[in-house]
N, C-alpha and C. Protein backbone atom coordinates (compact mmCIF):
# COMPACT_ATOMS: atom_id res chain seq x y z
N UNK A 1 -10.12 7.01 -23.34
CA UNK A 1 -10.91 6.40 -22.13
C UNK A 1 -10.37 6.82 -21.02
N UNK A 2 -11.49 7.49 -20.06
CA UNK A 2 -10.89 7.88 -18.90
C UNK A 2 -10.63 6.74 -17.94
N UNK A 3 -9.25 7.13 -16.79
CA UNK A 3 -9.42 5.77 -16.05
C UNK A 3 -10.67 5.64 -15.06
N UNK A 4 -11.21 6.02 -14.97
CA UNK A 4 -13.02 5.65 -14.31
C UNK A 4 -13.55 4.44 -14.94
N UNK A 5 -13.07 4.66 -16.59
CA UNK A 5 -14.18 3.90 -17.39
C UNK A 5 -13.18 2.79 -17.65
N UNK A 6 -12.15 2.84 -17.10
CA UNK A 6 -11.26 1.55 -17.14
C UNK A 6 -12.00 1.05 -16.42
N UNK A 7 -11.41 1.38 -14.69
CA UNK A 7 -12.15 0.82 -13.84
C UNK A 7 -13.48 0.35 -13.85
N UNK A 8 -14.51 0.71 -14.39
CA UNK A 8 -15.88 0.56 -14.42
C UNK A 8 -15.71 -0.82 -15.12
N UNK A 9 -15.15 -0.57 -16.29
CA UNK A 9 -15.01 -2.03 -17.21
C UNK A 9 -14.71 -3.21 -16.47
N UNK A 10 -13.15 -3.18 -16.14
CA UNK A 10 -12.95 -4.56 -15.35
C UNK A 10 -13.48 -4.87 -13.96
N UNK A 11 -14.41 -4.00 -13.69
CA UNK A 11 -15.33 -4.36 -12.49
C UNK A 11 -16.01 -5.06 -12.50
N UNK A 12 -16.80 -4.75 -13.74
CA UNK A 12 -18.06 -5.60 -13.91
C UNK A 12 -18.42 -6.55 -14.17
N UNK A 13 -17.10 -7.57 -14.22
CA UNK A 13 -17.09 -8.93 -14.31
C UNK A 13 -17.52 -9.50 -12.54
N UNK A 14 -16.93 -8.72 -11.53
CA UNK A 14 -17.16 -8.99 -10.11
C UNK A 14 -18.30 -8.13 -10.13
N UNK A 15 -19.06 -7.24 -10.09
CA UNK A 15 -20.24 -6.59 -9.46
C UNK A 15 -21.08 -6.39 -10.37
N UNK A 16 -21.42 -6.82 -11.84
CA UNK A 16 -22.51 -6.54 -12.41
C UNK A 16 -23.13 -5.14 -12.32
N UNK A 17 -24.41 -5.16 -12.51
CA UNK A 17 -24.82 -3.85 -12.74
C UNK A 17 -24.62 -3.37 -11.73
N UNK A 18 -24.16 -3.61 -10.46
CA UNK A 18 -23.63 -2.56 -9.02
C UNK A 18 -22.28 -1.89 -9.16
N UNK A 19 -21.76 -2.28 -10.33
CA UNK A 19 -20.21 -1.73 -10.38
C UNK A 19 -20.48 -0.46 -10.44
N UNK A 20 -20.98 0.34 -11.02
CA UNK A 20 -21.05 1.87 -10.98
C UNK A 20 -21.01 2.60 -9.72
N UNK A 21 -22.52 2.38 -8.98
CA UNK A 21 -22.48 2.82 -7.65
C UNK A 21 -21.55 2.42 -6.61
N UNK A 22 -21.32 0.85 -6.81
CA UNK A 22 -20.03 0.51 -5.84
C UNK A 22 -19.00 1.26 -5.76
N UNK A 23 -18.88 1.73 -7.43
CA UNK A 23 -17.24 2.66 -7.43
C UNK A 23 -17.34 4.33 -7.05
N UNK A 24 -18.55 4.38 -7.32
CA UNK A 24 -18.85 6.07 -6.82
C UNK A 24 -18.65 6.28 -5.49
N UNK A 25 -19.01 5.24 -4.62
CA UNK A 25 -19.10 4.98 -3.18
C UNK A 25 -18.02 4.52 -3.19
N UNK A 26 -16.74 4.02 -3.52
CA UNK A 26 -15.24 4.08 -2.88
C UNK A 26 -14.95 5.07 -3.52
N UNK A 27 -15.22 6.17 -4.43
CA UNK A 27 -14.20 7.58 -4.75
C UNK A 27 -14.77 8.53 -3.78
N UNK A 28 -15.94 8.42 -2.98
CA UNK A 28 -16.12 9.44 -2.28
C UNK A 28 -15.96 8.92 -0.86
N UNK A 29 -15.39 7.86 -0.60
CA UNK A 29 -14.44 7.47 0.76
C UNK A 29 -12.88 8.26 0.09
N UNK A 30 -12.42 8.33 -0.93
CA UNK A 30 -11.46 8.77 -1.20
C UNK A 30 -11.20 10.48 -1.64
N UNK A 31 -12.62 10.54 -1.68
CA UNK A 31 -12.92 12.30 -1.51
C UNK A 31 -11.90 12.63 -3.14
N UNK A 32 -12.85 11.89 -3.65
CA UNK A 32 -12.11 12.04 -5.74
C UNK A 32 -13.46 11.86 -6.39
N UNK A 33 -13.57 12.99 -7.33
CA UNK A 33 -14.83 12.54 -8.36
C UNK A 33 -14.34 11.66 -9.32
N UNK A 34 -15.06 10.53 -9.29
CA UNK A 34 -15.30 9.64 -10.12
C UNK A 34 -14.61 10.17 -11.89
N UNK A 35 -14.55 11.40 -12.08
CA UNK A 35 -14.08 11.74 -13.62
C UNK A 35 -12.91 12.11 -13.46
N UNK A 36 -12.48 12.45 -12.18
CA UNK A 36 -11.19 13.11 -11.76
C UNK A 36 -10.11 11.99 -11.38
N UNK A 37 -10.86 10.49 -11.39
CA UNK A 37 -9.69 9.71 -10.96
C UNK A 37 -8.34 9.13 -11.78
N UNK A 38 -7.45 9.13 -11.14
CA UNK A 38 -6.03 9.28 -11.62
C UNK A 38 -5.36 7.69 -11.65
N UNK A 39 -4.22 7.58 -12.39
CA UNK A 39 -3.77 6.41 -12.09
C UNK A 39 -3.14 6.46 -10.83
N UNK A 40 -2.59 7.30 -10.23
CA UNK A 40 -2.02 7.35 -8.52
C UNK A 40 -3.12 7.49 -7.46
N UNK A 41 -4.49 7.12 -8.13
CA UNK A 41 -5.29 6.84 -7.04
C UNK A 41 -5.85 5.18 -7.17
N UNK A 42 -5.21 4.97 -7.59
CA UNK A 42 -5.55 3.20 -8.16
C UNK A 42 -5.35 2.22 -6.87
N UNK A 43 -4.09 2.42 -6.83
CA UNK A 43 -4.04 1.48 -5.31
C UNK A 43 -4.80 1.78 -4.06
N UNK A 44 -5.30 2.79 -3.73
CA UNK A 44 -6.16 3.61 -2.46
C UNK A 44 -7.45 2.67 -2.94
N UNK A 45 -8.13 2.92 -4.41
CA UNK A 45 -9.01 2.82 -4.77
C UNK A 45 -9.15 0.95 -4.80
N UNK A 46 -8.18 0.31 -5.14
CA UNK A 46 -8.28 -1.78 -5.04
C UNK A 46 -8.21 -1.63 -3.61
N UNK A 47 -7.64 -1.11 -2.66
CA UNK A 47 -7.73 -1.51 -1.32
C UNK A 47 -9.07 -1.18 -0.83
N UNK A 48 -9.74 -0.21 -0.68
CA UNK A 48 -11.21 0.15 -0.36
C UNK A 48 -12.20 -0.81 -1.05
N UNK A 49 -11.41 -0.88 -2.20
CA UNK A 49 -12.79 -1.94 -2.97
C UNK A 49 -12.86 -3.33 -2.22
N UNK A 50 -11.73 -3.95 -2.34
CA UNK A 50 -10.92 -4.99 -1.68
C UNK A 50 -11.93 -5.34 -0.38
N UNK A 51 -11.80 -4.05 0.32
CA UNK A 51 -12.36 -4.63 2.05
C UNK A 51 -13.88 -4.51 1.66
N UNK A 52 -14.29 -3.65 1.18
CA UNK A 52 -15.41 -3.51 0.87
C UNK A 52 -16.52 -4.35 -0.06
N UNK A 53 -15.82 -4.79 -0.52
CA UNK A 53 -16.18 -5.99 -1.83
C UNK A 53 -16.31 -7.56 -0.82
N UNK A 54 -15.18 -7.72 0.48
CA UNK A 54 -15.26 -8.32 0.84
C UNK A 54 -16.53 -9.14 1.97
N UNK A 55 -17.34 -8.02 1.80
CA UNK A 55 -18.42 -8.30 2.48
C UNK A 55 -19.50 -9.17 2.04
N UNK A 56 -19.52 -8.99 0.67
CA UNK A 56 -20.36 -9.40 -0.66
C UNK A 56 -19.88 -10.45 -1.26
N UNK A 57 -18.74 -11.29 -1.22
CA UNK A 57 -18.00 -11.90 -2.00
C UNK A 57 -17.05 -12.62 -1.50
N UNK A 58 -16.57 -13.79 -2.01
CA UNK A 58 -15.12 -14.40 -1.12
C UNK A 58 -13.99 -13.94 -1.12
N UNK A 59 -13.21 -14.07 -0.31
CA UNK A 59 -11.91 -13.42 0.08
C UNK A 59 -10.94 -13.29 -1.53
N UNK A 60 -10.97 -14.16 -1.91
CA UNK A 60 -10.13 -14.53 -3.19
C UNK A 60 -10.73 -13.80 -4.34
N UNK A 61 -12.04 -13.55 -4.40
CA UNK A 61 -12.34 -12.89 -5.56
C UNK A 61 -12.42 -11.13 -5.01
N UNK A 62 -12.42 -11.24 -3.88
CA UNK A 62 -12.06 -9.40 -3.47
C UNK A 62 -10.71 -9.05 -4.06
N UNK A 63 -10.02 -9.80 -3.78
CA UNK A 63 -8.74 -9.72 -4.04
C UNK A 63 -8.28 -9.63 -5.75
N UNK A 64 -9.09 -10.44 -5.98
CA UNK A 64 -8.78 -10.32 -7.67
C UNK A 64 -9.02 -9.27 -7.89
N UNK A 65 -10.24 -8.60 -7.62
CA UNK A 65 -11.01 -7.32 -8.20
C UNK A 65 -9.94 -5.99 -7.69
N UNK A 66 -9.50 -6.18 -6.84
CA UNK A 66 -8.63 -5.35 -6.39
C UNK A 66 -7.01 -5.36 -7.10
N UNK A 67 -7.05 -6.69 -7.17
CA UNK A 67 -5.90 -6.61 -8.69
C UNK A 67 -6.00 -6.22 -10.08
N UNK A 68 -7.22 -6.34 -10.41
CA UNK A 68 -7.95 -5.71 -11.58
C UNK A 68 -7.84 -4.14 -11.84
N UNK A 69 -8.25 -3.73 -10.45
CA UNK A 69 -8.55 -2.42 -10.35
C UNK A 69 -6.96 -1.70 -10.38
N UNK A 70 -6.34 -2.10 -9.30
CA UNK A 70 -5.31 -1.33 -9.33
C UNK A 70 -4.28 -1.80 -10.68
N UNK A 71 -4.35 -2.38 -11.77
CA UNK A 71 -3.60 -2.74 -13.03
C UNK A 71 -4.60 -1.95 -13.90
N UNK A 72 -5.82 -1.38 -13.69
CA UNK A 72 -6.37 -1.09 -14.85
C UNK A 72 -6.00 0.64 -15.37
């Protein structure tokens, strides 16, 4: 399984059907193709995702999402 697929799997519980669109957008900010995402990108992706998700969910949930992404 790819790194991106792992991230999608751990994020679905938080983002539901919007998961892939959300993550694709965060990958664009990183200037990384989702299929080319590596473990080295996860810390930055987690940080971006936490900040973006903070506008649509409470801060504690956004932090949990970031932790799951970084550990993926």
